[in-house]
């Protein structure tokens, strides 16, 4: 059975890039969110196995979404995906329960490799 993935990124381009790479790798993309509010709603409703989570969204930061996901007890593995590569931000994400942290820009191969490792 293929793993279900929720993609969260405010950039349509990034969502498309991630979606195409993951579908090609055999994952089932069950939803895409462009902001934090819909990301949380979709995560609770769709219960994905994996969430790729941009850290900078129009309405909130990924770290805050990560906190809510963990508080709600969702089992989804969260992979932070962000152009923000500062070690402090990466450390905060990891300490809050992110499974991995990918810094943009990245290759499709690298993305799939990280998702496979987490899955």
N, C-alpha and C. Protein backbone atom coordinates (compact mmCIF):
# COMPACT_ATOMS: atom_id res chain seq x y z
N UNK A 1 0.84 -1.20 0.00
CA UNK A 1 0.00 0.00 0.00
C UNK A 1 0.88 1.25 0.00
N UNK A 2 0.53 2.19 -0.86
CA UNK A 2 1.38 3.38 -0.95
C UNK A 2 1.09 4.34 0.20
N UNK A 3 2.10 5.04 0.61
CA UNK A 3 1.98 6.01 1.69
C UNK A 3 1.24 7.24 1.19
N UNK A 4 0.41 7.82 2.06
CA UNK A 4 -0.37 9.01 1.71
C UNK A 4 0.39 10.26 2.15
N UNK A 5 0.48 11.22 1.23
CA UNK A 5 1.25 12.43 1.50
C UNK A 5 0.39 13.68 1.36
N UNK A 6 0.56 14.60 2.31
CA UNK A 6 -0.04 15.93 2.24
C UNK A 6 1.09 16.92 1.98
N UNK A 7 0.94 17.74 0.94
CA UNK A 7 1.97 18.72 0.58
C UNK A 7 1.51 20.10 1.04
N UNK A 8 2.34 20.77 1.81
CA UNK A 8 2.01 22.11 2.29
C UNK A 8 3.09 23.09 1.84
N UNK A 9 2.71 24.00 0.93
CA UNK A 9 3.64 25.02 0.44
C UNK A 9 2.80 26.12 -0.20
N UNK A 10 3.16 27.37 0.04
CA UNK A 10 2.38 28.46 -0.56
C UNK A 10 2.72 28.66 -2.04
N UNK A 11 3.78 28.02 -2.51
CA UNK A 11 4.17 28.14 -3.91
C UNK A 11 3.58 27.00 -4.74
N UNK A 12 2.76 27.36 -5.71
CA UNK A 12 2.16 26.38 -6.62
C UNK A 12 3.27 25.60 -7.33
N UNK A 13 4.33 26.31 -7.70
CA UNK A 13 5.46 25.67 -8.38
C UNK A 13 6.07 24.58 -7.52
N UNK A 14 6.31 24.90 -6.23
CA UNK A 14 6.91 23.91 -5.32
C UNK A 14 5.97 22.72 -5.10
N UNK A 15 4.68 23.01 -4.94
CA UNK A 15 3.72 21.91 -4.74
C UNK A 15 3.72 20.97 -5.94
N UNK A 16 3.75 21.56 -7.12
CA UNK A 16 3.76 20.75 -8.35
C UNK A 16 5.03 19.91 -8.43
N UNK A 17 6.16 20.53 -8.15
CA UNK A 17 7.45 19.84 -8.18
C UNK A 17 7.45 18.65 -7.21
N UNK A 18 7.01 18.91 -5.98
CA UNK A 18 6.98 17.86 -4.96
C UNK A 18 5.98 16.76 -5.34
N UNK A 19 4.78 17.17 -5.77
CA UNK A 19 3.74 16.21 -6.15
C UNK A 19 4.23 15.28 -7.26
N UNK A 20 4.79 15.85 -8.31
CA UNK A 20 5.22 15.03 -9.45
C UNK A 20 6.33 14.06 -9.05
N UNK A 21 7.27 14.53 -8.25
CA UNK A 21 8.37 13.66 -7.81
C UNK A 21 7.85 12.51 -6.96
N UNK A 22 6.91 12.80 -6.06
CA UNK A 22 6.41 11.77 -5.15
C UNK A 22 5.49 10.77 -5.86
N UNK A 23 4.66 11.27 -6.76
CA UNK A 23 3.77 10.36 -7.50
C UNK A 23 4.63 9.40 -8.34
N UNK A 24 5.65 9.95 -8.98
CA UNK A 24 6.56 9.13 -9.79
C UNK A 24 7.25 8.06 -8.94
N UNK A 25 7.48 8.39 -7.66
CA UNK A 25 8.15 7.46 -6.75
C UNK A 25 7.17 6.48 -6.09
N UNK A 26 5.89 6.59 -6.46
CA UNK A 26 4.91 5.64 -5.97
C UNK A 26 4.10 6.06 -4.75
N UNK A 27 4.19 7.35 -4.39
CA UNK A 27 3.42 7.84 -3.25
C UNK A 27 2.05 8.33 -3.73
N UNK A 28 1.10 8.36 -2.81
CA UNK A 28 -0.23 8.86 -3.12
C UNK A 28 -0.37 10.25 -2.49
N UNK A 29 -0.48 11.28 -3.33
CA UNK A 29 -0.65 12.63 -2.82
C UNK A 29 -2.14 12.85 -2.59
N UNK A 30 -2.53 12.98 -1.30
CA UNK A 30 -3.96 13.05 -0.97
C UNK A 30 -4.44 14.48 -0.77
N UNK A 31 -3.52 15.44 -0.75
CA UNK A 31 -3.94 16.82 -0.60
C UNK A 31 -2.80 17.79 -0.71
N UNK A 32 -3.17 19.05 -1.01
CA UNK A 32 -2.19 20.12 -1.09
C UNK A 32 -2.78 21.34 -0.41
N UNK A 33 -1.98 21.99 0.42
CA UNK A 33 -2.44 23.18 1.12
C UNK A 33 -1.47 24.33 0.85
N UNK A 34 -2.03 25.53 0.67
CA UNK A 34 -1.20 26.71 0.38
C UNK A 34 -1.02 27.60 1.61
N UNK A 35 -1.71 27.27 2.71
CA UNK A 35 -1.53 28.05 3.93
C UNK A 35 -1.70 27.16 5.15
N UNK A 36 -1.35 27.70 6.30
CA UNK A 36 -1.33 26.92 7.53
C UNK A 36 -2.68 26.43 7.98
N UNK A 37 -3.69 27.29 7.86
CA UNK A 37 -5.02 26.93 8.32
C UNK A 37 -5.56 25.72 7.56
N UNK A 38 -5.47 25.77 6.24
CA UNK A 38 -5.96 24.62 5.46
C UNK A 38 -5.06 23.41 5.66
N UNK A 39 -3.77 23.63 5.92
CA UNK A 39 -2.85 22.51 6.17
C UNK A 39 -3.30 21.74 7.41
N UNK A 40 -3.65 22.46 8.47
CA UNK A 40 -4.08 21.81 9.71
C UNK A 40 -5.41 21.09 9.50
N UNK A 41 -6.37 21.77 8.84
CA UNK A 41 -7.67 21.14 8.55
C UNK A 41 -7.49 19.85 7.76
N UNK A 42 -6.67 19.92 6.71
CA UNK A 42 -6.47 18.75 5.84
C UNK A 42 -5.73 17.64 6.58
N UNK A 43 -4.75 18.00 7.39
CA UNK A 43 -4.00 16.99 8.14
C UNK A 43 -4.93 16.22 9.07
N UNK A 44 -5.83 16.93 9.75
CA UNK A 44 -6.76 16.30 10.68
C UNK A 44 -7.80 15.45 9.94
N UNK A 45 -8.24 15.95 8.81
CA UNK A 45 -9.29 15.27 8.05
C UNK A 45 -8.77 14.07 7.27
N UNK A 46 -7.61 14.23 6.64
CA UNK A 46 -7.10 13.20 5.71
C UNK A 46 -6.13 12.21 6.36
N UNK A 47 -5.67 12.52 7.56
CA UNK A 47 -4.67 11.71 8.27
C UNK A 47 -3.59 11.10 7.35
N UNK A 48 -2.76 11.97 6.78
CA UNK A 48 -1.69 11.49 5.90
C UNK A 48 -0.62 10.74 6.70
N UNK A 49 0.16 9.92 5.99
CA UNK A 49 1.29 9.23 6.62
C UNK A 49 2.48 10.18 6.72
N UNK A 50 2.58 11.05 5.70
CA UNK A 50 3.72 11.96 5.60
C UNK A 50 3.20 13.35 5.21
N UNK A 51 3.79 14.39 5.80
CA UNK A 51 3.46 15.76 5.44
C UNK A 51 4.75 16.47 5.06
N UNK A 52 4.80 17.06 3.84
CA UNK A 52 5.93 17.92 3.52
C UNK A 52 5.46 19.33 3.87
N UNK A 53 6.21 20.00 4.71
CA UNK A 53 5.74 21.25 5.31
C UNK A 53 6.71 22.39 5.09
N UNK A 54 6.26 23.37 4.30
CA UNK A 54 7.05 24.59 4.09
C UNK A 54 7.07 25.35 5.42
N UNK A 55 8.17 26.02 5.72
CA UNK A 55 8.23 26.72 7.00
C UNK A 55 7.67 28.14 6.94
N UNK A 56 7.66 28.75 5.76
CA UNK A 56 7.18 30.13 5.65
C UNK A 56 5.90 30.14 4.83
N UNK A 57 4.76 30.32 5.51
CA UNK A 57 3.46 30.34 4.85
C UNK A 57 2.83 31.71 5.09
N UNK A 58 1.82 32.08 4.26
CA UNK A 58 1.25 33.42 4.38
C UNK A 58 0.64 33.71 5.76
N UNK A 59 0.06 32.70 6.41
CA UNK A 59 -0.67 32.96 7.65
C UNK A 59 0.03 32.48 8.92
N UNK A 60 0.99 31.58 8.80
CA UNK A 60 1.72 31.10 9.98
C UNK A 60 3.00 30.42 9.53
N UNK A 61 3.85 30.10 10.51
CA UNK A 61 5.07 29.39 10.14
C UNK A 61 4.91 27.90 10.37
N UNK A 62 5.66 27.13 9.60
CA UNK A 62 5.57 25.68 9.66
C UNK A 62 5.79 25.12 11.05
N UNK A 63 6.67 25.75 11.81
CA UNK A 63 6.96 25.30 13.17
C UNK A 63 5.68 25.29 14.01
N UNK A 64 4.83 26.33 13.84
CA UNK A 64 3.56 26.39 14.59
C UNK A 64 2.60 25.28 14.15
N UNK A 65 2.59 24.99 12.86
CA UNK A 65 1.75 23.91 12.34
C UNK A 65 2.22 22.58 12.92
N UNK A 66 3.53 22.41 12.95
CA UNK A 66 4.13 21.20 13.51
C UNK A 66 3.68 20.99 14.95
N UNK A 67 3.67 22.08 15.74
CA UNK A 67 3.23 22.01 17.13
C UNK A 67 1.78 21.51 17.21
N UNK A 68 0.91 22.05 16.38
CA UNK A 68 -0.51 21.66 16.39
C UNK A 68 -0.66 20.19 16.00
N UNK A 69 0.07 19.77 14.97
CA UNK A 69 0.00 18.37 14.51
C UNK A 69 0.39 17.43 15.66
N UNK A 70 1.44 17.79 16.39
CA UNK A 70 1.88 16.94 17.50
C UNK A 70 0.89 16.98 18.65
N UNK A 71 0.34 18.18 18.95
CA UNK A 71 -0.65 18.32 20.02
C UNK A 71 -1.90 17.49 19.74
N UNK A 72 -2.28 17.43 18.46
CA UNK A 72 -3.48 16.68 18.07
C UNK A 72 -3.22 15.17 18.03
N UNK A 73 -1.95 14.81 18.21
CA UNK A 73 -1.61 13.39 18.25
C UNK A 73 -1.59 12.70 16.91
N UNK A 74 -1.43 13.47 15.84
CA UNK A 74 -1.37 12.85 14.51
C UNK A 74 -0.07 12.06 14.37
N UNK A 75 -0.20 10.90 13.75
CA UNK A 75 0.97 10.03 13.59
C UNK A 75 1.83 10.39 12.38
N UNK A 76 1.38 11.37 11.59
CA UNK A 76 2.09 11.72 10.36
C UNK A 76 3.54 12.10 10.64
N UNK A 77 4.43 11.62 9.77
CA UNK A 77 5.83 12.03 9.83
C UNK A 77 5.93 13.34 9.05
N UNK A 78 6.53 14.33 9.65
CA UNK A 78 6.62 15.65 9.02
C UNK A 78 8.03 15.91 8.51
N UNK A 79 8.10 16.29 7.23
CA UNK A 79 9.37 16.67 6.63
C UNK A 79 9.29 18.17 6.36
N UNK A 80 10.08 18.94 7.07
CA UNK A 80 10.12 20.39 6.85
C UNK A 80 10.85 20.64 5.53
N UNK A 81 10.28 21.54 4.72
CA UNK A 81 10.90 21.91 3.45
C UNK A 81 10.94 23.43 3.43
N UNK A 82 12.14 24.00 3.44
CA UNK A 82 12.19 25.45 3.55
C UNK A 82 13.44 26.05 2.93
N UNK A 83 13.31 27.29 2.51
CA UNK A 83 14.48 28.02 2.01
C UNK A 83 15.30 28.53 3.19
N UNK A 84 14.71 28.48 4.39
CA UNK A 84 15.41 28.91 5.59
C UNK A 84 16.28 27.76 6.08
N UNK A 85 17.59 27.92 5.92
CA UNK A 85 18.49 26.83 6.27
C UNK A 85 19.31 27.07 7.53
N UNK A 86 18.93 28.09 8.33
CA UNK A 86 19.71 28.35 9.54
C UNK A 86 19.61 27.17 10.48
N UNK A 87 20.72 26.82 11.08
CA UNK A 87 20.78 25.66 11.96
C UNK A 87 19.79 25.78 13.12
N UNK A 88 19.59 27.00 13.64
CA UNK A 88 18.68 27.18 14.77
C UNK A 88 17.25 26.81 14.39
N UNK A 89 16.84 27.18 13.17
CA UNK A 89 15.49 26.87 12.69
C UNK A 89 15.36 25.35 12.47
N UNK A 90 16.38 24.77 11.87
CA UNK A 90 16.38 23.32 11.64
C UNK A 90 16.31 22.58 12.98
N UNK A 91 17.11 23.03 13.95
CA UNK A 91 17.12 22.39 15.26
C UNK A 91 15.75 22.48 15.93
N UNK A 92 15.11 23.66 15.82
CA UNK A 92 13.79 23.84 16.43
C UNK A 92 12.78 22.87 15.80
N UNK A 93 12.80 22.79 14.48
CA UNK A 93 11.89 21.88 13.78
C UNK A 93 12.10 20.43 14.21
N UNK A 94 13.35 20.03 14.28
CA UNK A 94 13.67 18.65 14.66
C UNK A 94 13.28 18.38 16.11
N UNK A 95 13.50 19.37 16.99
CA UNK A 95 13.18 19.16 18.40
C UNK A 95 11.66 19.09 18.62
N UNK A 96 10.90 19.71 17.71
CA UNK A 96 9.43 19.67 17.82
C UNK A 96 8.85 18.42 17.17
N UNK A 97 9.72 17.59 16.60
CA UNK A 97 9.23 16.32 16.07
C UNK A 97 9.28 16.15 14.57
N UNK A 98 9.87 17.11 13.85
CA UNK A 98 10.03 16.90 12.41
C UNK A 98 10.95 15.71 12.20
N UNK A 99 10.62 14.88 11.21
CA UNK A 99 11.44 13.70 10.94
C UNK A 99 12.68 14.05 10.13
N UNK A 100 12.55 15.08 9.29
CA UNK A 100 13.65 15.50 8.42
C UNK A 100 13.48 16.97 8.10
N UNK A 101 14.53 17.55 7.53
CA UNK A 101 14.49 18.96 7.14
C UNK A 101 15.22 19.07 5.80
N UNK A 102 14.50 19.51 4.78
CA UNK A 102 15.11 19.69 3.45
C UNK A 102 15.20 21.19 3.19
N UNK A 103 16.38 21.64 2.79
CA UNK A 103 16.56 23.06 2.47
C UNK A 103 16.40 23.26 0.96
N UNK A 104 15.57 24.24 0.59
CA UNK A 104 15.39 24.61 -0.82
C UNK A 104 16.62 25.40 -1.26
N UNK A 105 17.00 25.34 -2.52
CA UNK A 105 16.45 24.45 -3.55
C UNK A 105 16.98 23.02 -3.37
N UNK A 106 16.21 22.05 -3.84
CA UNK A 106 16.62 20.65 -3.74
C UNK A 106 16.26 19.95 -5.05
N UNK A 107 16.85 18.78 -5.26
CA UNK A 107 16.53 18.02 -6.46
C UNK A 107 15.39 17.05 -6.14
N UNK A 108 14.67 16.63 -7.15
CA UNK A 108 13.60 15.64 -6.97
C UNK A 108 14.16 14.36 -6.36
N UNK A 109 15.35 13.98 -6.82
CA UNK A 109 15.98 12.75 -6.30
C UNK A 109 16.23 12.86 -4.80
N UNK A 110 16.73 14.01 -4.38
CA UNK A 110 17.01 14.21 -2.95
C UNK A 110 15.70 14.15 -2.14
N UNK A 111 14.67 14.81 -2.66
CA UNK A 111 13.36 14.80 -2.00
C UNK A 111 12.85 13.37 -1.81
N UNK A 112 12.86 12.59 -2.88
CA UNK A 112 12.37 11.21 -2.84
C UNK A 112 13.20 10.36 -1.90
N UNK A 113 14.51 10.58 -1.92
CA UNK A 113 15.42 9.84 -1.03
C UNK A 113 15.07 10.11 0.44
N UNK A 114 14.82 11.37 0.79
CA UNK A 114 14.47 11.72 2.17
C UNK A 114 13.11 11.16 2.54
N UNK A 115 12.13 11.27 1.64
CA UNK A 115 10.79 10.75 1.92
C UNK A 115 10.84 9.22 2.09
N UNK A 116 11.59 8.56 1.25
CA UNK A 116 11.75 7.10 1.38
C UNK A 116 12.34 6.73 2.74
N UNK A 117 13.34 7.50 3.17
CA UNK A 117 13.99 7.23 4.44
C UNK A 117 13.00 7.39 5.59
N UNK A 118 12.18 8.44 5.52
CA UNK A 118 11.19 8.72 6.58
C UNK A 118 10.06 7.70 6.56
N UNK A 119 9.64 7.34 5.36
CA UNK A 119 8.51 6.39 5.21
C UNK A 119 8.89 5.02 5.74
